[in-house]
Amino acid sequence: MLEGQRILVTGATGQVARPLAEKLNTRNEVFAAARFSDPQAKRELEEIGIGTATFSMGDDDLSSLPDVDYVFHCGCNVDPATTEIGLVQNAEGSGFLMRRYKDAKAFLHMSSSSVYRVTPSSSDPIREDNELGGYAGYSPHYAMSKLASEAVVRFQARELGLPTIITRLDVAYGTRGHGGVPMIIYEFMKNGMSYTRAESGDSYCSLIHEDDIAEQAEALILKAALPVPVVNLGGDEIASVEEIIAHIEGLTGLKMKVEVGPEASWGMKVLDNTLRKELAGPCRVPWKEGVRSSLAARHSEAITARDVLGE
């Protein structure tokens, strides 16, 4: 693992990158790069010894960012308002960042499973060589911009001679940010909102806990190379949204309103993690345990109420 290194983590105030930055900070000098629109997040990072640097994706002059040995590029615009914004911030922005760190030891680019062109909700695992050209129903310009980002990253890695690895993240969840799909499901339940189940059946995914993301990302950046390896980054267990709903119902005593329609509220994908396991080993957090611990951390009253009842 990394130790005694200077490391930059972009998007470090968010759901995925903040746990990674905090983990790396225990053995390294870490700098969090973000817009810091939330001053409290900036203060919290600085209070535990993480340096902060203002960073806006798409800027071409990044000379003010600190010199580092490794870069974890997790920052992105997950809901660009237009195609142009998505390309400028996510794709061009990644290229400018790599140019700034052309002399780094390695660069990790966090991509997304949304780049795959597959029928959502299937339980069949997707390999890295599957057909590309996906679409994210929750954000019409996101998947396109992430696929374009991968192309820019691959080019820059070769052009700059910068060892790089691309990781395609599946459904992340945990205590940070909005908490991911399981925590959104809980909010739906609490507020009486409904979930739409697809007429074709359950919607499957490979959930991955924030602790596993941090551990896997740290191991995977050491596998950065030229040409750029592309690796799926999902959990080792397959779960359906419907199973997640049932698990949270059992933990909290709440009930989800379920409707049926042509498409599920969340059209998920399941990733084949064979390559990731070869490069970085297995995940450690079972999804049911991870969902329970995350829910307890974010909404202790939900779990405590059930525990008081002895359920």
Protein backbone atom coordinates (compact mmCIF):
# COMPACT_ATOMS: atom_id res chain seq x y z
CA MET A 1 0.00 0.00 0.00
CA LEU A 2 0.99 3.64 -0.32
CA GLU A 3 3.05 5.12 2.48
CA GLY A 4 5.00 8.35 2.81
CA GLN A 5 3.69 9.68 -0.51
CA ARG A 6 2.19 13.00 -1.55
CA ILE A 7 -1.26 12.30 -2.97
CA LEU A 8 -3.97 14.38 -4.65
CA VAL A 9 -7.60 13.23 -4.46
CA THR A 10 -10.12 15.16 -6.55
CA GLY A 11 -13.75 15.36 -5.49
CA ALA A 12 -12.67 14.63 -1.91
CA THR A 13 -15.74 16.23 -0.34
CA GLY A 14 -18.00 13.65 -2.01
CA GLN A 15 -19.45 10.22 -1.38
CA VAL A 16 -16.71 8.18 -3.06
CA ALA A 17 -13.52 10.20 -2.64
CA ARG A 18 -13.77 11.45 0.92
CA PRO A 19 -13.39 8.01 2.57
CA LEU A 20 -10.50 7.35 0.18
CA ALA A 21 -8.77 10.62 1.12
CA GLU A 22 -9.24 9.93 4.82
CA LYS A 23 -7.83 6.40 4.51
CA LEU A 24 -4.80 7.52 2.51
CA ASN A 25 -4.16 10.32 4.99
CA THR A 26 -3.26 7.86 7.76
CA ARG A 27 0.04 7.00 6.03
CA ASN A 28 0.59 9.77 3.48
CA GLU A 29 0.39 13.51 2.91
CA VAL A 30 -2.96 14.00 1.19
CA PHE A 31 -4.38 17.01 -0.63
CA ALA A 32 -8.10 17.27 -1.35
CA ALA A 33 -8.93 19.10 -4.57
CA ALA A 34 -12.49 20.37 -4.99
CA ARG A 35 -14.55 23.52 -5.48
CA PHE A 36 -15.33 23.56 -1.73
CA SER A 37 -18.74 25.11 -2.16
CA ASP A 38 -19.38 23.72 1.33
CA PRO A 39 -16.95 25.50 3.71
CA GLN A 40 -17.72 23.02 6.48
CA ALA A 41 -16.44 20.10 4.39
CA LYS A 42 -13.21 22.02 3.82
CA ARG A 43 -12.80 22.68 7.53
CA GLU A 44 -13.46 19.05 8.42
CA LEU A 45 -10.78 17.84 6.04
CA GLU A 46 -8.25 20.37 7.27
CA GLU A 47 -8.98 19.47 10.90
CA ILE A 48 -7.76 15.90 10.30
CA GLY A 49 -4.63 17.07 8.51
CA ILE A 50 -5.70 16.87 4.87
CA GLY A 51 -4.49 19.77 2.76
CA THR A 52 -7.04 21.50 0.54
CA ALA A 53 -6.67 23.00 -2.91
CA THR A 54 -9.34 24.73 -4.97
CA PHE A 55 -10.00 22.86 -8.22
CA SER A 56 -12.66 23.39 -10.89
CA MET A 57 -13.02 20.70 -13.54
CA GLY A 58 -12.42 22.07 -17.01
CA ASP A 59 -9.90 24.72 -15.98
CA ASP A 60 -6.79 24.64 -18.14
CA ASP A 61 -4.49 26.44 -15.71
CA LEU A 62 -3.90 24.14 -12.75
CA SER A 63 -0.49 25.46 -11.80
CA SER A 64 -1.70 26.36 -8.30
CA LEU A 65 -2.30 22.71 -7.41
CA PRO A 66 0.42 21.10 -5.26
CA ASP A 67 3.07 18.77 -6.66
CA VAL A 68 2.29 15.15 -5.76
CA ASP A 69 3.39 11.58 -6.44
CA TYR A 70 -0.04 9.98 -7.07
CA VAL A 71 -3.38 11.29 -8.33
CA PHE A 72 -6.80 9.75 -7.66
CA HIS A 73 -9.20 11.56 -9.99
CA CYS A 74 -12.64 10.88 -8.53
CA GLY A 75 -14.19 14.30 -9.07
CA CYS A 76 -16.79 14.70 -11.79
CA ASN A 77 -20.03 16.44 -12.64
CA VAL A 78 -22.56 13.63 -12.11
CA ASP A 79 -25.40 15.61 -13.66
CA PRO A 80 -24.10 17.97 -16.36
CA ALA A 81 -26.90 20.22 -17.61
CA THR A 82 -25.81 19.91 -21.25
CA THR A 83 -23.59 17.79 -23.46
CA GLU A 84 -21.15 20.68 -23.73
CA ILE A 85 -20.80 21.03 -19.97
CA GLY A 86 -20.26 17.29 -19.62
CA LEU A 87 -17.52 17.24 -22.23
CA VAL A 88 -15.75 20.35 -20.94
CA GLN A 89 -15.79 19.43 -17.26
CA ASN A 90 -15.55 15.64 -17.23
CA ALA A 91 -13.60 14.89 -20.43
CA GLU A 92 -11.46 17.96 -21.13
CA GLY A 93 -11.03 18.54 -17.40
CA SER A 94 -9.48 15.09 -16.99
CA GLY A 95 -7.05 15.83 -19.79
CA PHE A 96 -5.90 19.11 -18.25
CA LEU A 97 -5.45 17.41 -14.88
CA MET A 98 -3.26 14.71 -16.42
CA ARG A 99 -1.18 17.34 -18.18
CA ARG A 100 -0.61 19.07 -14.83
CA TYR A 101 0.55 15.78 -13.32
CA LYS A 102 2.45 14.35 -16.27
CA ASP A 103 5.40 13.60 -13.97
CA ALA A 104 3.40 11.74 -11.33
CA LYS A 105 4.17 8.12 -10.51
CA ALA A 106 0.63 7.02 -11.36
CA PHE A 107 -2.87 8.33 -12.11
CA LEU A 108 -6.21 6.63 -11.32
CA HIS A 109 -9.30 7.77 -13.20
CA MET A 110 -12.64 6.85 -11.62
CA SER A 111 -15.12 6.10 -14.38
CA SER A 112 -18.60 4.59 -14.23
CA SER A 113 -20.45 1.38 -15.09
CA SER A 114 -22.94 3.62 -16.91
CA VAL A 115 -20.61 3.54 -19.95
CA TYR A 116 -21.72 -0.03 -20.79
CA ARG A 117 -24.36 -0.50 -23.48
CA VAL A 118 -26.35 -3.34 -21.93
CA THR A 119 -29.93 -3.95 -20.95
CA PRO A 120 -30.24 -2.74 -17.36
CA SER A 121 -31.52 -4.89 -14.49
CA SER A 122 -30.04 -8.17 -15.75
CA SER A 123 -28.13 -10.35 -13.27
CA ASP A 124 -25.58 -11.31 -15.94
CA PRO A 125 -22.12 -9.90 -15.05
CA ILE A 126 -20.56 -7.43 -17.52
CA ARG A 127 -16.91 -7.81 -18.46
CA GLU A 128 -14.58 -4.95 -19.30
CA ASP A 129 -14.68 -5.85 -23.00
CA ASN A 130 -18.48 -5.58 -23.20
CA GLU A 131 -20.05 -3.19 -25.72
CA LEU A 132 -19.88 0.47 -24.73
CA GLY A 133 -22.20 3.43 -25.26
CA GLY A 134 -24.47 3.46 -22.22
CA TYR A 135 -27.11 5.84 -20.93
CA ALA A 136 -27.93 6.92 -17.37
CA GLY A 137 -31.63 7.58 -16.98
CA TYR A 138 -31.03 9.80 -13.95
CA SER A 139 -28.68 12.09 -15.92
CA PRO A 140 -28.95 12.19 -19.72
CA HIS A 141 -25.49 13.66 -20.38
CA TYR A 142 -23.50 11.76 -17.74
CA ALA A 143 -22.67 8.39 -19.33
CA MET A 144 -21.65 10.06 -22.58
CA SER A 145 -19.27 12.38 -20.74
CA LYS A 146 -17.72 9.54 -18.74
CA LEU A 147 -17.05 7.50 -21.88
CA ALA A 148 -15.53 10.56 -23.56
CA SER A 149 -13.42 11.06 -20.43
CA GLU A 150 -12.04 7.55 -20.75
CA ALA A 151 -10.91 8.27 -24.31
CA VAL A 152 -9.18 11.49 -23.23
CA VAL A 153 -7.49 9.70 -20.34
CA ARG A 154 -6.24 6.88 -22.55
CA PHE A 155 -4.81 9.38 -25.04
CA GLN A 156 -3.14 11.55 -22.44
CA ALA A 157 -1.59 8.55 -20.70
CA ARG A 158 0.12 7.51 -23.93
CA GLU A 159 1.01 11.03 -24.97
CA LEU A 160 2.51 11.91 -21.58
CA GLY A 161 3.94 8.51 -20.72
CA LEU A 162 1.92 8.62 -17.48
CA PRO A 163 1.12 5.21 -15.90
CA THR A 164 -2.67 5.21 -15.55
CA ILE A 165 -5.56 2.93 -14.64
CA ILE A 166 -9.30 3.41 -15.32
CA THR A 167 -11.79 1.95 -12.83
CA ARG A 168 -15.48 1.62 -13.75
CA LEU A 169 -17.40 2.07 -10.52
CA ASP A 170 -20.74 0.36 -9.94
CA VAL A 171 -23.27 1.23 -7.19
CA ALA A 172 -21.32 2.90 -4.39
CA TYR A 173 -22.85 3.33 -0.93
CA GLY A 174 -21.87 4.22 2.62
CA THR A 175 -21.93 7.05 5.12
CA ARG A 176 -20.71 9.97 3.00
CA GLY A 177 -22.46 12.21 0.48
CA HIS A 178 -26.03 11.12 -0.20
CA GLY A 179 -25.13 7.59 0.90
CA GLY A 180 -25.91 5.85 -2.37
CA VAL A 181 -28.96 3.85 -3.43
CA PRO A 182 -29.59 2.10 -0.06
CA MET A 183 -29.76 5.40 1.81
CA ILE A 184 -31.96 6.92 -0.90
CA ILE A 185 -34.26 3.90 -0.54
CA TYR A 186 -34.53 4.62 3.18
CA GLU A 187 -35.40 8.26 2.47
CA PHE A 188 -38.06 7.09 0.01
CA MET A 189 -39.59 4.86 2.68
CA LYS A 190 -39.49 7.51 5.39
CA ASN A 191 -41.16 10.07 3.17
CA GLY A 192 -43.80 7.75 1.70
CA MET A 193 -42.34 7.81 -1.81
CA SER A 194 -42.75 4.85 -4.14
CA TYR A 195 -40.29 2.65 -6.04
CA THR A 196 -41.10 1.36 -9.52
CA ARG A 197 -40.25 -2.28 -10.18
CA ALA A 198 -39.77 -3.24 -13.83
CA GLU A 199 -42.41 -5.47 -15.42
CA SER A 200 -39.56 -7.73 -16.54
CA GLY A 201 -38.45 -8.43 -12.97
CA ASP A 202 -35.92 -7.38 -10.34
CA SER A 203 -33.11 -4.87 -10.92
CA TYR A 204 -29.66 -6.24 -10.04
CA CYS A 205 -26.36 -4.56 -9.18
CA SER A 206 -23.01 -5.21 -7.50
CA LEU A 207 -23.07 -2.86 -4.50
CA ILE A 208 -19.68 -1.74 -3.19
CA HIS A 209 -19.14 -0.15 0.22
CA GLU A 210 -17.05 3.01 0.63
CA ASP A 211 -14.44 1.12 2.69
CA ASP A 212 -13.96 -1.41 -0.11
CA ILE A 213 -13.74 1.37 -2.71
CA ALA A 214 -10.96 3.04 -0.72
CA GLU A 215 -9.03 -0.18 -0.24
CA GLN A 216 -9.45 -1.34 -3.82
CA ALA A 217 -8.54 2.04 -5.33
CA GLU A 218 -5.35 2.22 -3.30
CA ALA A 219 -4.33 -1.23 -4.49
CA LEU A 220 -5.34 -0.62 -8.10
CA ILE A 221 -3.33 2.58 -8.58
CA LEU A 222 -0.24 0.43 -8.05
CA LYS A 223 -1.31 -1.50 -11.16
CA ALA A 224 -1.35 1.63 -13.34
CA ALA A 225 0.45 0.99 -16.61
CA LEU A 226 0.75 1.75 -20.32
CA PRO A 227 -1.33 0.93 -22.24
CA VAL A 228 -4.01 1.83 -19.71
CA PRO A 229 -5.73 -1.10 -17.98
CA VAL A 230 -9.52 -0.79 -17.53
CA VAL A 231 -10.96 -2.52 -14.45
CA ASN A 232 -14.50 -2.98 -13.15
CA LEU A 233 -14.98 -1.76 -9.58
CA GLY A 234 -18.05 -3.35 -8.06
CA GLY A 235 -18.78 -5.46 -5.00
CA ASP A 236 -18.33 -9.22 -4.97
CA GLU A 237 -22.00 -9.98 -4.22
CA ILE A 238 -24.96 -9.58 -6.55
CA ALA A 239 -28.04 -7.98 -5.01
CA SER A 240 -31.28 -6.67 -6.43
CA VAL A 241 -32.85 -3.36 -5.48
CA GLU A 242 -35.82 -5.37 -4.34
CA GLU A 243 -33.59 -7.36 -1.94
CA ILE A 244 -32.08 -4.13 -0.63
CA ILE A 245 -35.58 -2.75 -0.03
CA ALA A 246 -36.60 -5.90 1.88
CA HIS A 247 -33.43 -5.73 3.99
CA ILE A 248 -34.02 -2.09 4.94
CA GLU A 249 -37.67 -2.85 5.69
CA GLY A 250 -36.49 -5.56 8.08
CA LEU A 251 -34.00 -3.22 9.76
CA THR A 252 -36.36 -0.26 10.21
CA GLY A 253 -39.91 -1.57 10.23
CA LEU A 254 -40.80 0.81 7.41
CA LYS A 255 -42.47 -0.31 4.19
CA MET A 256 -41.74 0.77 0.65
CA LYS A 257 -44.57 1.59 -1.72
CA VAL A 258 -43.85 -0.49 -4.82
CA GLU A 259 -45.39 0.14 -8.21
CA VAL A 260 -44.81 -1.77 -11.45
CA GLY A 261 -43.92 -0.12 -14.74
CA PRO A 262 -42.04 -0.65 -18.01
CA GLU A 263 -38.73 0.36 -16.40
CA ALA A 264 -37.38 0.26 -12.85
CA SER A 265 -36.69 3.43 -10.91
CA TRP A 266 -33.03 2.38 -11.02
CA GLY A 267 -31.86 0.38 -14.02
CA MET A 268 -28.80 -1.30 -12.54
CA LYS A 269 -25.89 -3.33 -13.88
CA VAL A 270 -23.85 -6.20 -12.45
CA LEU A 271 -20.10 -6.12 -13.03
CA ASP A 272 -17.78 -9.05 -13.59
CA ASN A 273 -15.04 -8.44 -11.02
CA THR A 274 -12.68 -11.24 -12.03
CA LEU A 275 -9.95 -8.86 -13.19
CA ARG A 276 -10.31 -6.59 -10.17
CA LYS A 277 -9.89 -9.54 -7.81
CA GLU A 278 -6.77 -10.64 -9.66
CA LEU A 279 -5.26 -7.17 -9.35
CA ALA A 280 -6.44 -6.09 -5.90
CA GLY A 281 -8.06 -9.00 -4.08
CA PRO A 282 -11.60 -9.48 -2.76
CA CYS A 283 -13.93 -7.00 -1.12
CA ARG A 284 -14.37 -7.26 2.64
CA VAL A 285 -17.78 -5.74 3.46
CA PRO A 286 -20.85 -7.99 2.86
CA TRP A 287 -23.62 -5.84 1.46
CA LYS A 288 -26.18 -6.58 4.18
CA GLU A 289 -23.68 -5.73 6.90
CA GLY A 290 -22.58 -2.64 5.01
CA VAL A 291 -26.12 -1.36 4.53
CA ARG A 292 -26.91 -1.89 8.20
CA SER A 293 -23.78 -0.11 9.44
CA SER A 294 -24.25 2.77 6.99
CA LEU A 295 -27.88 3.19 7.98
CA ALA A 296 -26.95 3.12 11.67
CA ALA A 297 -24.27 5.78 11.12
CA ARG A 298 -26.51 8.12 9.13
CA HIS A 299 -29.89 7.40 10.74
CA SER A 300 -29.24 5.88 14.16
CA GLU A 301 -32.85 6.40 15.17
CA ALA A 302 -34.03 4.02 12.45
CA ILE A 303 -31.99 1.09 13.74
CA THR A 304 -32.28 1.98 17.43
CA ALA A 305 -36.06 1.95 17.27
CA ARG A 306 -36.02 -1.62 16.04
CA ASP A 307 -33.39 -2.68 18.59
CA VAL A 308 -35.51 -1.26 21.45
CA LEU A 309 -38.37 -3.42 20.29
CA GLY A 310 -36.08 -6.45 20.28
CA GLU A 311 -36.51 -6.97 16.57
